[in-house]
Amino acid sequence: MRACANLRGTMMTSLPAGPPEVPPLLAARRTVRFYRPAPVPEAVVRALLESAASAPTAHNAQPVRYVVIGTPALRRRLAERMAVRWRRDLERGGAPKAVIGAELGFSLRRFSEPPVLILVGYTMEGMDVYPDRARRAAEETMAVQSAAAAIQNLLLAATAYGLGACWTCAPLFCPGVVRQALRLPRTFVPQALLTIGYPAHSPPIPPRKPLDGLVTVL
């Protein structure tokens, strides 16, 4: 009991006075969509990937995979093939031609112009295998969650290095197109494209819902 009391006292004295605030690194992170043309050093890109790979994963199976799309030609090819699929989806949804043209033009620029483009996905190789559908689905959800945790680590690391980044989910709508454009195996399940570079703008703080409406204390 005395040891517990001492520990409690140590913890209380180490807490800052007043209400705690969001750590500066978390508060500084923004979604950045426009970048300066300055290249990002390879050592920094590797540091971002090391940070992503240090995130927790289900069973420590480490199912997350990363593809650094390094050449402008390859980035352009990927952007163009995704745009073909998106055009079809927009047309099916009845979007006006002017809207389709504007959306596709922005999409081509956002994926072909950033200094760094990283595709994040996962593989079920190494994850637990179950005979029933429900547990197989849960296991795949854990792989998705592992990828999301890795992406958040990478985004925070980018902020720490003075970089901007944007998490885009376009690959979810055309995984086969992405795999074919980059010649990836069928075992790779695309989840997100991350655009990264030195910011060319300063995004405002986005509105957030009040915490009391998000939290239930039982």
Protein backbone atom coordinates (compact mmCIF):
# COMPACT_ATOMS: atom_id res chain seq x y z
CA MET A 1 0.00 0.00 0.00
CA ARG A 2 2.84 2.36 0.83
CA ALA A 3 4.47 1.73 -2.59
CA CYS A 4 1.17 2.47 -4.32
CA ALA A 5 0.77 5.67 -2.34
CA ASN A 6 4.29 6.77 -3.23
CA LEU A 7 3.70 6.06 -6.92
CA ARG A 8 0.43 7.97 -6.84
CA GLY A 9 2.15 10.92 -5.26
CA THR A 10 4.92 10.87 -7.86
CA MET A 11 2.38 10.80 -10.69
CA MET A 12 0.38 13.67 -9.22
CA THR A 13 3.42 15.90 -8.76
CA SER A 14 4.56 15.27 -12.37
CA LEU A 15 1.28 16.44 -13.89
CA PRO A 16 1.21 20.03 -15.23
CA ALA A 17 -0.81 22.62 -13.34
CA GLY A 18 -4.19 23.39 -14.86
CA PRO A 19 -6.13 21.34 -17.42
CA PRO A 20 -3.97 19.25 -19.78
CA GLU A 21 -3.80 20.27 -23.43
CA VAL A 22 -3.38 18.37 -26.68
CA PRO A 23 0.37 17.70 -27.21
CA PRO A 24 1.89 20.27 -29.61
CA LEU A 25 2.74 17.72 -32.30
CA LEU A 26 -0.86 16.48 -32.44
CA ALA A 27 -2.23 20.00 -32.44
CA ALA A 28 0.13 21.08 -35.25
CA ARG A 29 -0.84 18.33 -37.69
CA ARG A 30 -2.89 19.53 -40.64
CA THR A 31 -4.14 18.06 -43.90
CA VAL A 32 -1.92 19.72 -46.52
CA ARG A 33 -2.88 19.36 -50.19
CA PHE A 34 -0.45 21.72 -51.93
CA TYR A 35 3.34 21.49 -51.77
CA ARG A 36 6.44 23.36 -52.77
CA PRO A 37 8.50 21.61 -55.47
CA ALA A 38 11.46 21.15 -53.10
CA PRO A 39 12.45 17.47 -52.90
CA VAL A 40 12.23 15.58 -49.62
CA PRO A 41 15.56 13.93 -48.65
CA GLU A 42 15.57 10.15 -48.88
CA ALA A 43 16.73 9.91 -45.27
CA VAL A 44 13.64 11.82 -44.15
CA VAL A 45 11.35 9.58 -46.21
CA ARG A 46 12.95 6.56 -44.59
CA ALA A 47 12.46 8.11 -41.15
CA LEU A 48 8.76 8.55 -41.93
CA LEU A 49 8.50 4.90 -42.92
CA GLU A 50 10.36 3.80 -39.79
CA SER A 51 7.87 5.78 -37.74
CA ALA A 52 4.96 4.12 -39.55
CA ALA A 53 6.43 0.65 -39.07
CA SER A 54 6.74 1.25 -35.31
CA ALA A 55 2.95 1.51 -34.90
CA PRO A 56 1.10 -1.29 -33.10
CA THR A 57 -0.34 -4.08 -35.23
CA ALA A 58 -2.77 -6.91 -34.55
CA HIS A 59 -0.96 -9.90 -32.94
CA ASN A 60 2.23 -8.00 -33.86
CA ALA A 61 1.76 -9.69 -37.25
CA GLN A 62 2.91 -6.47 -38.99
CA PRO A 63 0.67 -6.85 -42.06
CA VAL A 64 1.11 -3.28 -43.29
CA ARG A 65 3.04 -2.69 -46.52
CA TYR A 66 4.34 0.53 -48.08
CA VAL A 67 5.04 1.39 -51.72
CA VAL A 68 7.07 4.56 -52.35
CA ILE A 69 6.14 5.72 -55.85
CA GLY A 70 9.38 7.45 -56.70
CA THR A 71 9.26 8.48 -60.35
CA PRO A 72 7.05 11.21 -61.88
CA ALA A 73 6.15 8.92 -64.78
CA LEU A 74 4.87 6.20 -62.47
CA ARG A 75 2.92 8.68 -60.37
CA ARG A 76 1.33 10.06 -63.53
CA ARG A 77 0.42 6.61 -64.79
CA LEU A 78 -1.25 5.74 -61.52
CA ALA A 79 -3.13 9.06 -61.42
CA GLU A 80 -4.36 8.68 -64.99
CA ARG A 81 -5.61 5.12 -64.52
CA MET A 82 -7.43 6.01 -61.32
CA ALA A 83 -8.95 9.01 -63.09
CA VAL A 84 -10.42 6.73 -65.79
CA ARG A 85 -12.21 4.72 -63.11
CA TRP A 86 -13.34 7.83 -61.26
CA ARG A 87 -14.74 9.37 -64.46
CA ARG A 88 -16.90 6.30 -64.92
CA ASP A 89 -18.13 6.48 -61.34
CA LEU A 90 -18.93 10.19 -61.64
CA GLU A 91 -20.78 9.66 -64.91
CA ARG A 92 -22.82 6.86 -63.36
CA GLY A 93 -23.72 9.22 -60.52
CA GLY A 94 -24.99 11.84 -62.97
CA ALA A 95 -22.35 14.48 -62.24
CA PRO A 96 -22.29 17.41 -64.74
CA LYS A 97 -19.48 17.40 -67.28
CA ALA A 98 -17.99 20.59 -65.87
CA VAL A 99 -17.82 19.06 -62.40
CA ILE A 100 -16.27 15.87 -63.76
CA GLY A 101 -13.60 17.84 -65.62
CA ALA A 102 -12.71 19.90 -62.55
CA GLU A 103 -12.60 16.88 -60.24
CA LEU A 104 -10.45 14.82 -62.58
CA GLY A 105 -8.07 17.70 -63.23
CA PHE A 106 -7.51 18.20 -59.51
CA SER A 107 -7.10 14.46 -58.99
CA LEU A 108 -4.41 14.22 -61.65
CA ARG A 109 -2.47 17.09 -60.09
CA ARG A 110 -2.82 15.92 -56.49
CA PHE A 111 -1.30 12.51 -57.23
CA SER A 112 1.28 13.38 -59.88
CA GLU A 113 2.78 16.64 -58.56
CA PRO A 114 3.69 16.06 -54.86
CA PRO A 115 7.37 15.35 -54.17
CA VAL A 116 6.53 12.12 -52.33
CA LEU A 117 3.68 9.66 -52.92
CA ILE A 118 3.34 6.61 -50.69
CA LEU A 119 0.78 3.85 -51.12
CA VAL A 120 -0.16 2.09 -47.89
CA GLY A 121 -1.85 -1.30 -47.85
CA TYR A 122 -1.82 -4.61 -46.07
CA THR A 123 -1.51 -8.32 -46.68
CA MET A 124 -3.31 -11.11 -44.87
CA GLU A 125 -0.20 -13.28 -45.07
CA GLY A 126 0.88 -13.93 -41.50
CA MET A 127 -2.49 -13.05 -39.99
CA ASP A 128 -4.52 -15.68 -38.14
CA VAL A 129 -6.70 -17.98 -40.24
CA TYR A 130 -10.16 -19.07 -39.10
CA PRO A 131 -12.66 -21.52 -40.63
CA ASP A 132 -15.70 -19.25 -40.16
CA ARG A 133 -16.58 -16.08 -42.06
CA ALA A 134 -17.20 -13.88 -39.02
CA ARG A 135 -13.74 -14.35 -37.53
CA ARG A 136 -12.07 -14.05 -40.94
CA ALA A 137 -13.82 -10.69 -41.38
CA ALA A 138 -12.71 -9.58 -37.91
CA GLU A 139 -9.13 -10.57 -38.70
CA GLU A 140 -9.17 -8.50 -41.88
CA THR A 141 -10.60 -5.55 -39.96
CA MET A 142 -7.62 -5.84 -37.62
CA ALA A 143 -5.29 -5.59 -40.61
CA VAL A 144 -7.15 -2.45 -41.75
CA GLN A 145 -6.84 -0.98 -38.25
CA SER A 146 -3.12 -1.77 -38.26
CA ALA A 147 -2.73 0.16 -41.52
CA ALA A 148 -4.62 3.12 -40.06
CA ALA A 149 -2.38 3.22 -36.99
CA ALA A 150 0.70 3.16 -39.22
CA ILE A 151 -0.66 6.00 -41.34
CA GLN A 152 -1.29 8.15 -38.28
CA ASN A 153 2.29 7.57 -37.10
CA LEU A 154 3.57 8.59 -40.52
CA LEU A 155 1.45 11.75 -40.59
CA LEU A 156 2.71 12.82 -37.17
CA ALA A 157 6.30 12.10 -38.14
CA ALA A 158 5.84 14.24 -41.25
CA THR A 159 4.65 17.11 -39.05
CA ALA A 160 7.68 16.67 -36.80
CA TYR A 161 9.98 17.03 -39.84
CA GLY A 162 8.24 20.20 -41.02
CA LEU A 163 6.41 18.41 -43.82
CA GLY A 164 2.79 18.47 -44.86
CA ALA A 165 0.81 15.39 -45.79
CA CYS A 166 -2.63 14.33 -46.93
CA TRP A 167 -4.31 10.97 -46.31
CA THR A 168 -6.45 10.09 -49.34
CA CYS A 169 -8.62 6.98 -49.65
CA ALA A 170 -8.90 6.86 -53.45
CA PRO A 171 -7.35 3.34 -53.68
CA LEU A 172 -10.32 1.91 -51.77
CA PHE A 173 -12.54 2.62 -54.78
CA CYS A 174 -10.26 0.99 -57.37
CA PRO A 175 -7.86 -1.50 -55.70
CA GLY A 176 -7.50 -3.57 -58.85
CA VAL A 177 -6.58 -0.52 -60.91
CA VAL A 178 -3.95 0.47 -58.36
CA ARG A 179 -2.42 -3.01 -58.25
CA GLN A 180 -2.31 -3.24 -62.04
CA ALA A 181 -0.82 0.23 -62.52
CA LEU A 182 1.97 -0.50 -60.05
CA ARG A 183 2.30 -4.22 -60.87
CA LEU A 184 1.61 -5.27 -57.28
CA PRO A 185 0.59 -8.81 -56.25
CA ARG A 186 -3.03 -9.68 -55.55
CA THR A 187 -2.13 -10.25 -51.91
CA PHE A 188 -1.53 -6.49 -51.52
CA VAL A 189 -4.74 -4.71 -50.44
CA PRO A 190 -4.46 -0.93 -51.12
CA GLN A 191 -5.80 1.35 -48.41
CA ALA A 192 -4.53 4.90 -48.87
CA LEU A 193 -2.34 7.19 -50.93
CA LEU A 194 -0.33 9.67 -48.89
CA THR A 195 0.88 12.83 -50.59
CA ILE A 196 3.85 14.40 -48.80
CA GLY A 197 6.00 17.49 -49.24
CA TYR A 198 6.93 20.88 -47.84
CA PRO A 199 3.70 22.87 -47.42
CA ALA A 200 2.79 25.57 -49.90
CA HIS A 201 -0.13 26.77 -47.75
CA SER A 202 -1.21 26.92 -44.12
CA PRO A 203 -4.54 25.13 -43.68
CA PRO A 204 -6.81 26.48 -40.94
CA ILE A 205 -7.76 24.43 -37.91
CA PRO A 206 -10.72 22.29 -39.00
CA PRO A 207 -13.87 22.36 -36.86
CA ARG A 208 -14.21 19.53 -34.38
CA LYS A 209 -17.31 18.19 -32.71
CA PRO A 210 -17.54 18.83 -28.95
CA LEU A 211 -15.92 16.04 -27.00
CA ASP A 212 -18.96 15.61 -24.77
CA GLY A 213 -20.96 14.49 -27.78
CA LEU A 214 -18.40 11.81 -28.68
CA VAL A 215 -17.65 10.23 -25.32
CA THR A 216 -19.79 8.01 -23.13
CA VAL A 217 -18.56 7.42 -19.59
CA LEU A 218 -20.03 4.28 -18.00
